[in-house]
C-alpha atoms as a PDB file:
ATOM      1  CA  MET A   1      -1.739  21.776  94.232  1.00  0.00           C
ATOM      2  CA  ASN A   2       0.827  23.420  91.906  1.00  0.00           C
ATOM      3  CA  THR A   3       0.617  27.034  92.117  1.00  0.00           C
ATOM      4  CA  THR A   4       4.324  27.531  90.280  1.00  0.00           C
ATOM      5  CA  LEU A   5       3.897  27.178  86.834  1.00  0.00           C
ATOM      6  CA  PRO A   6       0.959  28.226  84.238  1.00  0.00           C
ATOM      7  CA  SER A   7      -1.921  26.229  82.918  1.00  0.00           C
ATOM      8  CA  VAL A   8      -1.541  24.732  79.267  1.00  0.00           C
ATOM      9  CA  ALA A   9      -3.796  22.962  77.314  1.00  0.00           C
ATOM     10  CA  ILE A  10      -2.403  20.811  74.574  1.00  0.00           C
ATOM     11  CA  CYS A  11      -4.083  20.610  71.373  1.00  0.00           C
ATOM     12  CA  ILE A  12      -4.000  17.659  68.964  1.00  0.00           C
ATOM     13  CA  VAL A  13      -6.031  16.666  65.955  1.00  0.00           C
ATOM     14  CA  THR A  14      -5.496  13.200  64.043  1.00  0.00           C
ATOM     15  CA  PHE A  15      -6.364  11.865  60.932  1.00  0.00           C
ATOM     16  CA  LYS A  16      -5.588   8.135  60.066  1.00  0.00           C
ATOM     17  CA  ASN A  17      -2.583   8.367  62.688  1.00  0.00           C
ATOM     18  CA  GLU A  18      -3.387   4.453  63.550  1.00  0.00           C
ATOM     19  CA  LYS A  19       0.391   4.157  64.151  1.00  0.00           C
ATOM     20  CA  ASP A  20       1.545   6.789  65.750  1.00  0.00           C
ATOM     21  CA  ILE A  21      -1.100   6.574  68.465  1.00  0.00           C
ATOM     22  CA  SER A  22       0.839   4.560  70.900  1.00  0.00           C
ATOM     23  CA  GLY A  23       4.228   6.596  70.943  1.00  0.00           C
ATOM     24  CA  LEU A  24       2.221   9.729  71.333  1.00  0.00           C
ATOM     25  CA  ILE A  25       0.605   8.874  74.296  1.00  0.00           C
ATOM     26  CA  GLU A  26       2.983   7.025  75.563  1.00  0.00           C
ATOM     27  CA  SER A  27       5.562   9.900  75.711  1.00  0.00           C
ATOM     28  CA  LEU A  28       2.709  12.477  76.615  1.00  0.00           C
ATOM     29  CA  SER A  29       2.238  10.565  79.905  1.00  0.00           C
ATOM     30  CA  ASN A  30       5.822  10.744  80.945  1.00  0.00           C
ATOM     31  CA  THR A  31       5.828  14.455  80.352  1.00  0.00           C
ATOM     32  CA  GLU A  32       7.300  16.166  83.480  1.00  0.00           C
ATOM     33  CA  TYR A  33       4.626  19.106  84.424  1.00  0.00           C
ATOM     34  CA  PRO A  34       2.248  19.521  86.992  1.00  0.00           C
ATOM     35  CA  LYS A  35      -0.389  16.928  86.585  1.00  0.00           C
ATOM     36  CA  ASP A  36      -3.501  19.708  87.580  1.00  0.00           C
ATOM     37  CA  LYS A  37      -2.270  22.204  85.127  1.00  0.00           C
ATOM     38  CA  VAL A  38      -2.527  20.623  81.786  1.00  0.00           C
ATOM     39  CA  HIS A  39      -5.471  19.716  80.013  1.00  0.00           C
ATOM     40  CA  VAL A  40      -5.511  17.496  76.893  1.00  0.00           C
ATOM     41  CA  PHE A  41      -8.045  17.970  74.165  1.00  0.00           C
ATOM     42  CA  ILE A  42      -8.081  15.565  71.054  1.00  0.00           C
ATOM     43  CA  ALA A  43     -10.519  15.569  67.722  1.00  0.00           C
ATOM     44  CA  ASP A  44      -9.887  13.015  65.630  1.00  0.00           C
ATOM     45  CA  ASN A  45     -11.243  14.152  61.682  1.00  0.00           C
ATOM     46  CA  ASN A  46     -13.108  11.116  61.025  1.00  0.00           C
ATOM     47  CA  SER A  47     -10.638   8.749  60.086  1.00  0.00           C
ATOM     48  CA  GLU A  48     -11.506   5.862  57.899  1.00  0.00           C
ATOM     49  CA  ASP A  49      -8.543   3.775  59.967  1.00  0.00           C
ATOM     50  CA  ASP A  50      -8.548   2.775  63.671  1.00  0.00           C
ATOM     51  CA  THR A  51      -7.198   6.005  65.027  1.00  0.00           C
ATOM     52  CA  ALA A  52     -10.288   7.046  67.002  1.00  0.00           C
ATOM     53  CA  ARG A  53     -10.683   3.347  68.219  1.00  0.00           C
ATOM     54  CA  LEU A  54      -6.964   3.385  69.313  1.00  0.00           C
ATOM     55  CA  MET A  55      -7.512   6.877  70.853  1.00  0.00           C
ATOM     56  CA  ASN A  56     -10.370   6.219  72.905  1.00  0.00           C
ATOM     57  CA  GLU A  57      -8.918   3.091  74.334  1.00  0.00           C
ATOM     58  CA  LYS A  58      -5.722   4.780  74.958  1.00  0.00           C
ATOM     59  CA  VAL A  59      -6.576   8.777  76.045  1.00  0.00           C
ATOM     60  CA  ASP A  60      -7.797   7.794  79.596  1.00  0.00           C
ATOM     61  CA  LYS A  61      -4.358   5.995  80.137  1.00  0.00           C
ATOM     62  CA  LEU A  62      -2.690  10.129  80.150  1.00  0.00           C
ATOM     63  CA  PRO A  63      -1.902  11.436  83.714  1.00  0.00           C
ATOM     64  CA  PHE A  64      -3.626  14.759  82.980  1.00  0.00           C
ATOM     65  CA  SER A  65      -7.482  15.713  82.021  1.00  0.00           C
ATOM     66  CA  SER A  66      -7.939  14.881  78.638  1.00  0.00           C
ATOM     67  CA  LEU A  67     -11.139  15.137  76.224  1.00  0.00           C
ATOM     68  CA  PHE A  68     -11.715  13.173  73.043  1.00  0.00           C
ATOM     69  CA  ASN A  69     -13.865  13.546  70.394  1.00  0.00           C
ATOM     70  CA  GLN A  70     -14.770  12.436  66.702  1.00  0.00           C
ATOM     71  CA  ASN A  71     -15.886  15.001  64.374  1.00  0.00           C
ATOM     72  CA  LYS A  72     -18.478  13.788  62.021  1.00  0.00           C
ATOM     73  CA  SER A  73     -16.306  14.732  58.509  1.00  0.00           C
ATOM     74  CA  ASN A  74     -12.972  15.639  57.951  1.00  0.00           C
ATOM     75  CA  ILE A  75     -13.416  19.614  58.486  1.00  0.00           C
ATOM     76  CA  GLY A  76      -9.755  19.980  58.102  1.00  0.00           C
ATOM     77  CA  PHE A  77      -6.449  20.572  60.215  1.00  0.00           C
ATOM     78  CA  ASP A  78      -7.459  24.277  61.068  1.00  0.00           C
ATOM     79  CA  GLN A  79     -10.979  24.065  61.945  1.00  0.00           C
ATOM     80  CA  ALA A  80     -10.219  20.873  63.606  1.00  0.00           C
ATOM     81  CA  ASN A  81      -7.440  23.111  65.966  1.00  0.00           C
ATOM     82  CA  ASN A  82      -9.950  26.596  65.837  1.00  0.00           C
ATOM     83  CA  LYS A  83     -12.619  24.085  67.539  1.00  0.00           C
ATOM     84  CA  LEU A  84     -10.238  22.425  70.097  1.00  0.00           C
ATOM     85  CA  VAL A  85      -8.413  25.817  70.764  1.00  0.00           C
ATOM     86  CA  ASN A  86     -12.349  27.791  71.558  1.00  0.00           C
ATOM     87  CA  ARG A  87     -12.997  24.428  73.741  1.00  0.00           C
ATOM     88  CA  ALA A  88      -9.630  24.891  75.708  1.00  0.00           C
ATOM     89  CA  VAL A  89     -10.083  28.782  76.388  1.00  0.00           C
ATOM     90  CA  LYS A  90     -12.893  27.915  78.259  1.00  0.00           C
ATOM     91  CA  ASN A  91     -10.655  26.629  81.015  1.00  0.00           C
ATOM     92  CA  ASP A  92      -8.510  29.609  80.757  1.00  0.00           C
ATOM     93  CA  PRO A  93      -5.113  28.474  80.064  1.00  0.00           C
ATOM     94  CA  THR A  94      -2.240  30.408  80.087  1.00  0.00           C
ATOM     95  CA  TYR A  95      -0.881  28.659  77.111  1.00  0.00           C
ATOM     96  CA  ILE A  96      -1.963  26.471  74.099  1.00  0.00           C
ATOM     97  CA  VAL A  97      -0.002  24.285  72.956  1.00  0.00           C
ATOM     98  CA  LEU A  98      -0.402  22.488  69.143  1.00  0.00           C
ATOM     99  CA  LEU A  99       1.212  19.334  68.803  1.00  0.00           C
ATOM    100  CA  ASN A 100       0.954  17.039  65.861  1.00  0.00           C
ATOM    101  CA  PRO A 101      -0.295  13.321  66.214  1.00  0.00           C
ATOM    102  CA  ASP A 102       3.245  11.808  64.582  1.00  0.00           C
ATOM    103  CA  THR A 103       4.984  13.308  67.351  1.00  0.00           C
ATOM    104  CA  VAL A 104       6.999  11.524  69.813  1.00  0.00           C
ATOM    105  CA  VAL A 105       8.112  14.129  73.106  1.00  0.00           C
ATOM    106  CA  HIS A 106      10.723  14.395  75.580  1.00  0.00           C
ATOM    107  CA  LYS A 107       9.809  14.339  78.839  1.00  0.00           C
ATOM    108  CA  LYS A 108      10.969  17.884  79.611  1.00  0.00           C
ATOM    109  CA  TRP A 109       9.468  19.322  76.440  1.00  0.00           C
ATOM    110  CA  LEU A 110       6.697  21.265  77.481  1.00  0.00           C
ATOM    111  CA  LYS A 111       8.261  22.345  81.125  1.00  0.00           C
ATOM    112  CA  GLU A 112      11.226  24.045  78.466  1.00  0.00           C
ATOM    113  CA  LEU A 113       8.989  25.565  76.362  1.00  0.00           C
ATOM    114  CA  VAL A 114       6.557  27.289  79.000  1.00  0.00           C
ATOM    115  CA  ALA A 115       9.746  28.395  80.672  1.00  0.00           C
ATOM    116  CA  GLU A 116      11.097  30.162  77.452  1.00  0.00           C
ATOM    117  CA  MET A 117       7.717  31.476  77.197  1.00  0.00           C
ATOM    118  CA  GLU A 118       7.725  32.652  80.864  1.00  0.00           C
ATOM    119  CA  LEU A 119      11.034  34.516  80.460  1.00  0.00           C
ATOM    120  CA  HIS A 120      10.294  36.127  76.832  1.00  0.00           C
ATOM    121  CA  PRO A 121       6.987  37.982  77.253  1.00  0.00           C
ATOM    122  CA  GLU A 122       7.479  39.739  73.903  1.00  0.00           C
ATOM    123  CA  ALA A 123       6.830  36.061  72.285  1.00  0.00           C
ATOM    124  CA  GLY A 124       3.628  35.228  70.944  1.00  0.00           C
ATOM    125  CA  VAL A 125       4.906  31.816  70.557  1.00  0.00           C
ATOM    126  CA  ALA A 126       7.458  29.176  71.075  1.00  0.00           C
ATOM    127  CA  GLN A 127       8.727  26.383  69.031  1.00  0.00           C
ATOM    128  CA  SER A 128      10.471  23.382  69.937  1.00  0.00           C
ATOM    129  CA  LEU A 129      12.989  21.619  68.628  1.00  0.00           C
ATOM    130  CA  LEU A 130      12.166  19.289  66.176  1.00  0.00           C
ATOM    131  CA  LEU A 131      13.782  16.078  65.578  1.00  0.00           C
ATOM    132  CA  LEU A 132      13.388  13.145  63.245  1.00  0.00           C
ATOM    133  CA  LYS A 133      12.103  10.408  64.527  1.00  0.00           C
ATOM    134  CA  SER A 134      13.944   8.448  61.397  1.00  0.00           C
ATOM    135  CA  ASP A 135      17.070   9.544  62.603  1.00  0.00           C
ATOM    136  CA  PRO A 136      16.782  11.077  66.091  1.00  0.00           C
ATOM    137  CA  LEU A 137      19.996  12.768  66.310  1.00  0.00           C
ATOM    138  CA  LYS A 138      19.203  14.805  63.122  1.00  0.00           C
ATOM    139  CA  ILE A 139      16.920  17.868  62.972  1.00  0.00           C
ATOM    140  CA  ASN A 140      13.792  18.326  61.239  1.00  0.00           C
ATOM    141  CA  THR A 141      13.617  22.266  61.989  1.00  0.00           C
ATOM    142  CA  LYS A 142      15.072  24.464  64.163  1.00  0.00           C
ATOM    143  CA  GLY A 143      12.708  27.221  63.271  1.00  0.00           C
ATOM    144  CA  ASN A 144      10.852  28.438  60.069  1.00  0.00           C
ATOM    145  CA  ALA A 145      12.698  30.927  57.574  1.00  0.00           C
ATOM    146  CA  LEU A 146       9.874  33.671  56.697  1.00  0.00           C
ATOM    147  CA  TYR A 147      10.517  34.375  53.182  1.00  0.00           C
ATOM    148  CA  PHE A 148       9.278  38.171  51.835  1.00  0.00           C
ATOM    149  CA  LEU A 149       7.251  36.978  49.092  1.00  0.00           C
ATOM    150  CA  GLY A 150       4.963  34.845  51.177  1.00  0.00           C
ATOM    151  CA  LEU A 151       6.512  31.761  51.419  1.00  0.00           C
ATOM    152  CA  GLY A 152       8.484  29.326  53.711  1.00  0.00           C
ATOM    153  CA  TYR A 153      10.430  26.894  54.484  1.00  0.00           C
ATOM    154  CA  ILE A 154      11.878  24.747  57.211  1.00  0.00           C
ATOM    155  CA  THR A 155      15.908  25.340  58.445  1.00  0.00           C
ATOM    156  CA  GLY A 156      18.673  22.696  59.387  1.00  0.00           C
ATOM    157  CA  LEU A 157      16.656  19.616  57.938  1.00  0.00           C
ATOM    158  CA  TYR A 158      19.017  16.721  58.361  1.00  0.00           C
ATOM    159  CA  SER A 159      21.706  18.636  59.946  1.00  0.00           C
ATOM    160  CA  SER A 160      23.038  17.161  62.984  1.00  0.00           C
ATOM    161  CA  ALA A 161      21.211  18.411  66.423  1.00  0.00           C
ATOM    162  CA  LYS A 162      24.091  17.739  68.776  1.00  0.00           C
ATOM    163  CA  ASN A 163      25.426  21.734  68.598  1.00  0.00           C
ATOM    164  CA  VAL A 164      21.694  22.616  69.222  1.00  0.00           C
ATOM    165  CA  TYR A 165      20.253  21.244  72.382  1.00  0.00           C
ATOM    166  CA  ASN A 166      22.161  23.619  75.046  1.00  0.00           C
ATOM    167  CA  LYS A 167      21.737  26.880  72.954  1.00  0.00           C
ATOM    168  CA  GLN A 168      19.850  29.644  74.121  1.00  0.00           C
ATOM    169  CA  SER A 169      16.277  30.155  72.736  1.00  0.00           C
ATOM    170  CA  HIS A 170      16.412  32.641  69.681  1.00  0.00           C
ATOM    171  CA  GLU A 171      14.019  34.604  66.890  1.00  0.00           C
ATOM    172  CA  ILE A 172      12.624  32.739  63.972  1.00  0.00           C
ATOM    173  CA  GLY A 173      11.055  33.469  60.886  1.00  0.00           C
ATOM    174  CA  TYR A 174       7.705  31.752  62.423  1.00  0.00           C
ATOM    175  CA  SER A 175       6.725  28.830  64.537  1.00  0.00           C
ATOM    176  CA  SER A 176       5.973  24.979  62.950  1.00  0.00           C
ATOM    177  CA  GLY A 177       2.645  24.194  64.062  1.00  0.00           C
ATOM    178  CA  ALA A 178       3.756  20.894  64.552  1.00  0.00           C
ATOM    179  CA  ALA A 179       5.340  21.405  67.937  1.00  0.00           C
ATOM    180  CA  SER A 180       4.439  25.187  69.215  1.00  0.00           C
ATOM    181  CA  CYS A 181       3.448  26.727  72.454  1.00  0.00           C
ATOM    182  CA  TYR A 182       1.014  30.361  71.794  1.00  0.00           C
ATOM    183  CA  ARG A 183       0.415  33.080  74.379  1.00  0.00           C
ATOM    184  CA  VAL A 184      -3.640  32.673  74.735  1.00  0.00           C
ATOM    185  CA  LYS A 185      -4.066  36.466  75.254  1.00  0.00           C
ATOM    186  CA  VAL A 186      -1.979  36.897  71.800  1.00  0.00           C
ATOM    187  CA  LEU A 187      -4.006  34.687  70.192  1.00  0.00           C
ATOM    188  CA  LYS A 188      -7.431  36.257  71.315  1.00  0.00           C
ATOM    189  CA  ARG A 189      -5.908  39.729  69.514  1.00  0.00           C
ATOM    190  CA  THR A 190      -4.854  38.240  66.517  1.00  0.00           C
ATOM    191  CA  GLY A 191      -7.700  35.363  66.128  1.00  0.00           C
ATOM    192  CA  LEU A 192      -7.038  31.641  65.198  1.00  0.00           C
ATOM    193  CA  PHE A 193      -5.744  30.192  61.866  1.00  0.00           C
ATOM    194  CA  TYR A 194      -8.284  31.083  58.840  1.00  0.00           C
ATOM    195  CA  PRO A 195     -10.287  28.143  57.925  1.00  0.00           C
ATOM    196  CA  ASP A 196      -9.498  28.795  54.258  1.00  0.00           C
ATOM    197  CA  PHE A 197      -5.814  27.921  54.627  1.00  0.00           C
ATOM    198  CA  PHE A 198      -4.752  24.603  53.877  1.00  0.00           C
ATOM    199  CA  TYR A 199      -1.182  25.270  54.105  1.00  0.00           C
ATOM    200  CA  LEU A 200       1.174  28.300  55.755  1.00  0.00           C
ATOM    201  CA  GLU A 201      -1.282  28.591  58.215  1.00  0.00           C
ATOM    202  CA  ASP A 202       1.372  28.526  60.597  1.00  0.00           C
ATOM    203  CA  LEU A 203       2.981  30.946  58.549  1.00  0.00           C
ATOM    204  CA  ASP A 204       0.351  33.402  58.526  1.00  0.00           C
ATOM    205  CA  LEU A 205      -0.408  33.359  62.293  1.00  0.00           C
ATOM    206  CA  SER A 206       3.099  34.105  63.639  1.00  0.00           C
ATOM    207  CA  TRP A 207       2.859  37.183  60.953  1.00  0.00           C
ATOM    208  CA  ARG A 208      -0.049  38.450  61.969  1.00  0.00           C
ATOM    209  CA  MET A 209       1.603  38.037  65.632  1.00  0.00           C
ATOM    210  CA  LYS A 210       4.787  40.281  64.569  1.00  0.00           C
ATOM    211  CA  LEU A 211       2.157  43.158  63.193  1.00  0.00           C
ATOM    212  CA  LEU A 212       1.474  43.157  66.818  1.00  0.00           C
ATOM    213  CA  GLY A 213       4.617  43.197  67.809  1.00  0.00           C
ATOM    214  CA  TYR A 214       5.211  40.044  69.500  1.00  0.00           C
ATOM    215  CA  THR A 215       7.787  37.516  68.411  1.00  0.00           C
ATOM    216  CA  SER A 216       8.345  33.763  67.464  1.00  0.00           C
ATOM    217  CA  ILE A 217      11.022  31.978  69.073  1.00  0.00           C
ATOM    218  CA  LEU A 218      12.714  28.570  69.291  1.00  0.00           C
ATOM    219  CA  CYS A 219      13.213  26.824  72.484  1.00  0.00           C
ATOM    220  CA  PRO A 220      16.058  24.697  71.269  1.00  0.00           C
ATOM    221  CA  LYS A 221      15.943  22.700  74.579  1.00  0.00           C
ATOM    222  CA  SER A 222      12.240  21.156  74.302  1.00  0.00           C
ATOM    223  CA  ILE A 223      12.573  18.123  72.129  1.00  0.00           C
ATOM    224  CA  VAL A 224      10.299  16.865  69.826  1.00  0.00           C
ATOM    225  CA  TRP A 225      10.457  13.920  67.307  1.00  0.00           C
ATOM    226  CA  HIS A 226       8.573  14.287  64.050  1.00  0.00           C
ATOM    227  CA  ASP A 227       7.412  11.673  61.882  1.00  0.00           C
ATOM    228  CA  TYR A 228       8.903  14.012  58.806  1.00  0.00           C
ATOM    229  CA  THR A 229       8.401  13.130  55.469  1.00  0.00           C
ATOM    230  CA  PHE A 230       8.468  15.979  52.431  1.00  0.00           C
ATOM    231  CA  SER A 231       5.662  15.169  49.509  1.00  0.00           C
ATOM    232  CA  LYS A 232       4.611  17.341  46.364  1.00  0.00           C
ATOM    233  CA  GLY A 233       1.612  17.240  44.137  1.00  0.00           C
ATOM    234  CA  ALA A 234      -0.729  19.196  42.013  1.00  0.00           C
ATOM    235  CA  TYR A 235      -2.849  19.880  45.020  1.00  0.00           C
ATOM    236  CA  LYS A 236      -0.554  20.511  47.720  1.00  0.00           C
ATOM    237  CA  MET A 237       1.426  23.229  45.255  1.00  0.00           C
ATOM    238  CA  LYS A 238      -1.805  24.594  44.581  1.00  0.00           C
ATOM    239  CA  ALA A 239      -3.216  25.285  48.007  1.00  0.00           C
ATOM    240  CA  ILE A 240       0.573  26.669  48.970  1.00  0.00           C
ATOM    241  CA  GLU A 241      -0.168  28.934  45.795  1.00  0.00           C
ATOM    242  CA  LEU A 242      -3.495  30.276  47.015  1.00  0.00           C
ATOM    243  CA  SER A 243      -2.318  30.503  50.633  1.00  0.00           C
ATOM    244  CA  ARG A 244       0.148  32.754  49.626  1.00  0.00           C
ATOM    245  CA  TYR A 245      -1.538  35.146  47.904  1.00  0.00           C
ATOM    246  CA  LYS A 246      -3.340  35.616  50.840  1.00  0.00           C
ATOM    247  CA  VAL A 247      -0.498  36.299  53.591  1.00  0.00           C
ATOM    248  CA  LEU A 248       0.827  38.591  51.048  1.00  0.00           C
ATOM    249  CA  LEU A 249      -2.737  40.661  50.295  1.00  0.00           C
ATOM    250  CA  GLN A 250      -3.815  40.716  53.893  1.00  0.00           C
ATOM    251  CA  ASN A 251      -0.579  41.322  55.889  1.00  0.00           C
ATOM    252  CA  TYR A 252       1.627  44.085  53.584  1.00  0.00           C
ATOM    253  CA  ARG A 253       0.673  47.220  53.828  1.00  0.00           C
ATOM    254  CA  LEU A 254      -0.579  48.518  50.076  1.00  0.00           C
ATOM    255  CA  PRO A 255       2.381  50.794  49.341  1.00  0.00           C
ATOM    256  CA  THR A 256       5.137  47.742  50.286  1.00  0.00           C
ATOM    257  CA  LEU A 257       2.577  45.454  47.737  1.00  0.00           C
ATOM    258  CA  LEU A 258       3.126  47.960  44.836  1.00  0.00           C
ATOM    259  CA  LEU A 259       6.683  48.349  45.355  1.00  0.00           C
ATOM    260  CA  LEU A 260       6.664  43.900  45.475  1.00  0.00           C
ATOM    261  CA  LEU A 261       4.610  43.865  42.054  1.00  0.00           C
ATOM    262  CA  PRO A 262       7.551  43.097  39.617  1.00  0.00           C
ATOM    263  CA  ALA A 263       9.359  40.778  41.579  1.00  0.00           C
ATOM    264  CA  LEU A 264       6.043  38.828  42.426  1.00  0.00           C
ATOM    265  CA  ILE A 265       5.157  38.904  38.548  1.00  0.00           C
ATOM    266  CA  PHE A 266       8.499  37.886  37.979  1.00  0.00           C
ATOM    267  CA  PHE A 267       8.249  34.940  40.328  1.00  0.00           C
ATOM    268  CA  GLU A 268       4.833  34.121  38.869  1.00  0.00           C
ATOM    269  CA  ILE A 269       6.202  33.883  35.747  1.00  0.00           C
ATOM    270  CA  LEU A 270       8.475  31.530  36.741  1.00  0.00           C
ATOM    271  CA  VAL A 271       6.129  29.254  39.154  1.00  0.00           C
ATOM    272  CA  ILE A 272       4.010  29.331  36.036  1.00  0.00           C
ATOM    273  CA  LEU A 273       6.512  27.613  34.019  1.00  0.00           C
ATOM    274  CA  GLY A 274       7.502  25.402  36.724  1.00  0.00           C
ATOM    275  CA  SER A 275       3.795  24.113  37.115  1.00  0.00           C
ATOM    276  CA  ILE A 276       3.952  23.477  33.293  1.00  0.00           C
ATOM    277  CA  LYS A 277       6.801  21.714  33.280  1.00  0.00           C
ATOM    278  CA  GLU A 278       5.445  19.679  36.144  1.00  0.00           C
ATOM    279  CA  GLY A 279       1.840  18.703  34.868  1.00  0.00           C
ATOM    280  CA  TRP A 280      -0.110  20.977  37.501  1.00  0.00           C
ATOM    281  CA  TYR A 281      -0.535  24.318  35.780  1.00  0.00           C
ATOM    282  CA  LYS A 282      -4.452  23.580  35.594  1.00  0.00           C
ATOM    283  CA  GLU A 283      -4.575  23.777  39.202  1.00  0.00           C
ATOM    284  CA  LYS A 284      -2.412  26.971  39.012  1.00  0.00           C
ATOM    285  CA  PHE A 285      -4.640  28.692  37.168  1.00  0.00           C
ATOM    286  CA  LYS A 286      -7.921  27.651  38.786  1.00  0.00           C
ATOM    287  CA  ASN A 287      -6.252  29.815  41.909  1.00  0.00           C
ATOM    288  CA  TYR A 288      -6.617  32.934  39.953  1.00  0.00           C
ATOM    289  CA  SER A 289     -10.372  32.550  40.087  1.00  0.00           C
ATOM    290  CA  GLU A 290     -10.509  30.981  43.550  1.00  0.00           C
ATOM    291  CA  LEU A 291      -8.883  34.203  44.667  1.00  0.00           C
ATOM    292  CA  ILE A 292     -11.189  36.539  43.234  1.00  0.00           C
ATOM    293  CA  LYS A 293     -13.855  34.659  45.020  1.00  0.00           C
ATOM    294  CA  SER A 294     -11.965  34.988  48.077  1.00  0.00           C
ATOM    295  CA  ILE A 295     -11.171  38.722  47.917  1.00  0.00           C
ATOM    296  CA  LYS A 296     -14.432  39.748  50.102  1.00  0.00           C
ATOM    297  CA  ILE A 297     -12.826  37.942  53.262  1.00  0.00           C
ATOM    298  CA  ILE A 298      -9.573  39.024  52.076  1.00  0.00           C
ATOM    299  CA  ARG A 299     -10.601  42.776  52.209  1.00  0.00           C
ATOM    300  CA  LYS A 300     -12.435  42.051  55.908  1.00  0.00           C
ATOM    301  CA  ARG A 301      -9.279  40.362  57.342  1.00  0.00           C
ATOM    302  CA  ARG A 302      -7.071  43.092  55.582  1.00  0.00           C
ATOM    303  CA  GLU A 303      -9.121  45.670  57.478  1.00  0.00           C
ATOM    304  CA  ILE A 304      -8.683  44.532  60.773  1.00  0.00           C
ATOM    305  CA  ILE A 305      -5.099  43.489  60.643  1.00  0.00           C
ATOM    306  CA  GLN A 306      -4.328  46.815  59.297  1.00  0.00           C
ATOM    307  CA  LYS A 307      -5.979  48.936  61.485  1.00  0.00           C
ATOM    308  CA  ASN A 308      -4.451  46.835  64.538  1.00  0.00           C
ATOM    309  CA  ARG A 309      -1.129  46.317  63.486  1.00  0.00           C
ATOM    310  CA  LYS A 310       2.233  47.823  65.655  1.00  0.00           C
ATOM    311  CA  THR A 311       5.083  46.828  63.443  1.00  0.00           C
ATOM    312  CA  LYS A 312       6.380  48.732  60.268  1.00  0.00           C
ATOM    313  CA  ASP A 313       6.293  46.583  57.193  1.00  0.00           C
ATOM    314  CA  ARG A 314      10.431  47.757  57.341  1.00  0.00           C
ATOM    315  CA  THR A 315      11.144  45.715  60.524  1.00  0.00           C
ATOM    316  CA  LEU A 316       9.406  43.151  59.164  1.00  0.00           C
ATOM    317  CA  LEU A 317      11.040  42.833  55.961  1.00  0.00           C
ATOM    318  CA  ASN A 318      14.469  43.447  57.528  1.00  0.00           C
ATOM    319  CA  SER A 319      13.630  40.367  59.886  1.00  0.00           C
ATOM    320  CA  MET A 320      12.782  38.079  56.746  1.00  0.00           C
ATOM    321  CA  VAL A 321      15.056  36.142  53.885  1.00  0.00           C
ATOM    322  CA  LEU A 322      15.309  37.390  50.655  1.00  0.00           C
ATOM    323  CA  THR A 323      16.522  33.831  49.484  1.00  0.00           C
ATOM    324  CA  LEU A 324      14.560  31.029  48.808  1.00  0.00           C
ATOM    325  CA  GLN A 325      15.823  27.355  49.649  1.00  0.00           C
ATOM    326  CA  PHE A 326      14.175  24.843  47.070  1.00  0.00           C
ATOM    327  CA  PRO A 327      13.434  21.224  47.894  1.00  0.00           C
ATOM    328  CA  GLU A 328      14.327  18.510  45.736  1.00  0.00           C
ATOM    329  CA  GLY A 329      12.641  18.763  42.423  1.00  0.00           C
ATOM    330  CA  THR A 330      12.245  22.398  41.824  1.00  0.00           C
ATOM    331  CA  PRO A 331      12.448  23.316  37.820  1.00  0.00           C
ATOM    332  CA  PHE A 332      15.646  24.739  36.748  1.00  0.00           C
ATOM    333  CA  LEU A 333      14.014  27.908  36.005  1.00  0.00           C
ATOM    334  CA  ILE A 334      13.375  28.343  39.284  1.00  0.00           C
ATOM    335  CA  ARG A 335      16.505  27.174  41.214  1.00  0.00           C
ATOM    336  CA  TYR A 336      18.819  28.751  38.682  1.00  0.00           C
ATOM    337  CA  PHE A 337      16.766  32.234  37.978  1.00  0.00           C
ATOM    338  CA  LEU A 338      15.049  33.366  40.706  1.00  0.00           C
ATOM    339  CA  ASN A 339      16.981  33.896  43.325  1.00  0.00           C
ATOM    340  CA  PRO A 340      19.775  36.514  42.007  1.00  0.00           C
ATOM    341  CA  VAL A 341      16.888  38.344  40.300  1.00  0.00           C
ATOM    342  CA  ILE A 342      14.495  38.509  43.484  1.00  0.00           C
ATOM    343  CA  VAL A 343      17.584  38.603  46.008  1.00  0.00           C
ATOM    344  CA  THR A 344      18.898  42.380  44.071  1.00  0.00           C
ATOM    345  CA  TYR A 345      15.505  43.367  44.451  1.00  0.00           C
ATOM    346  CA  GLY A 346      14.719  42.661  47.612  1.00  0.00           C
ATOM    347  CA  TRP A 347      17.497  44.899  49.219  1.00  0.00           C
ATOM    348  CA  ILE A 348      16.316  47.873  46.847  1.00  0.00           C
ATOM    349  CA  ILE A 349      12.635  47.454  48.705  1.00  0.00           C
ATOM    350  CA  ARG A 350      14.466  47.007  52.317  1.00  0.00           C
ATOM    351  CA  SER A 351      16.431  50.509  51.390  1.00  0.00           C
ATOM    352  CA  VAL A 352      13.129  51.870  50.123  1.00  0.00           C
ATOM    353  CA  VAL A 353      10.316  50.871  52.459  1.00  0.00           C
ATOM    354  CA  TRP A 354      10.506  53.561  55.421  1.00  0.00           C
ATOM    355  CA  TRP A 355       6.930  52.870  57.044  1.00  0.00           C
END
């Protein structure tokens, strides 16, 4: 029995991933970590393809203790992960690792990831360096930037990973849920993903960790390849916007929200204009009624978060980015009018907020 390395639970949620299963299981099987210190928990969200069948066939080939089950319906990424994590913590692991099913891991990925968490007790979560499956020497993300108006974006996309591999771990805005190691004792304080989030759940969880005084770090020596593709549609944009409202209302202090209001209104106007141009304005306006319906649960979460927080908004704002990077296809109005105005206002807010 190995007693030098801490125990880890790896949680994986699948949905229509039949093409990814073989590569995932094979790479996990080659992971260099004490076999008795790893437990793998996998759940399928009622895929209509052969994902569940393939996983049933291959999961027993893992050299670690493993458990696979199929949910009776698609309960979503957040709820499925929460169920797995709640099951996993019964084994009393030191760390929970969330891993996307469309990934392939380097044999040393887990050992490097855990080593950095052991070296940095102030870290609540550490992210692997995510590279592109389609171009294995190029970066998917080397950590995500946290934008002060409640959004985030990946950094380093399509750039060379050559000069990143051997860098030291460092703090990042927030950790991508595609391959991240969470400290269980911190998760017990923050709670897990909120089940009504469909996007930005990893951003929100990292933000809540920051409020308790914990950081998010990147571990460049932990390598994971990810089948990343950028997609954009009415449903996704609607879900991101609704999650953004919730993140802001739950996590900022009230005086900060009031000071940010002019910037938020300006941002909102540009997003509305963009939604009209792109044809998802109906979904955009539906968000307002959905937000009103969510006020009760937002207020309840907010009370808990604000009561327990340790970090000032001033500290958080200084660690956030003021400039938003835009994906291809972003409307002209947003790309060329938002940043100049918002960045100026952001600097003013940083100088004013002392709480």
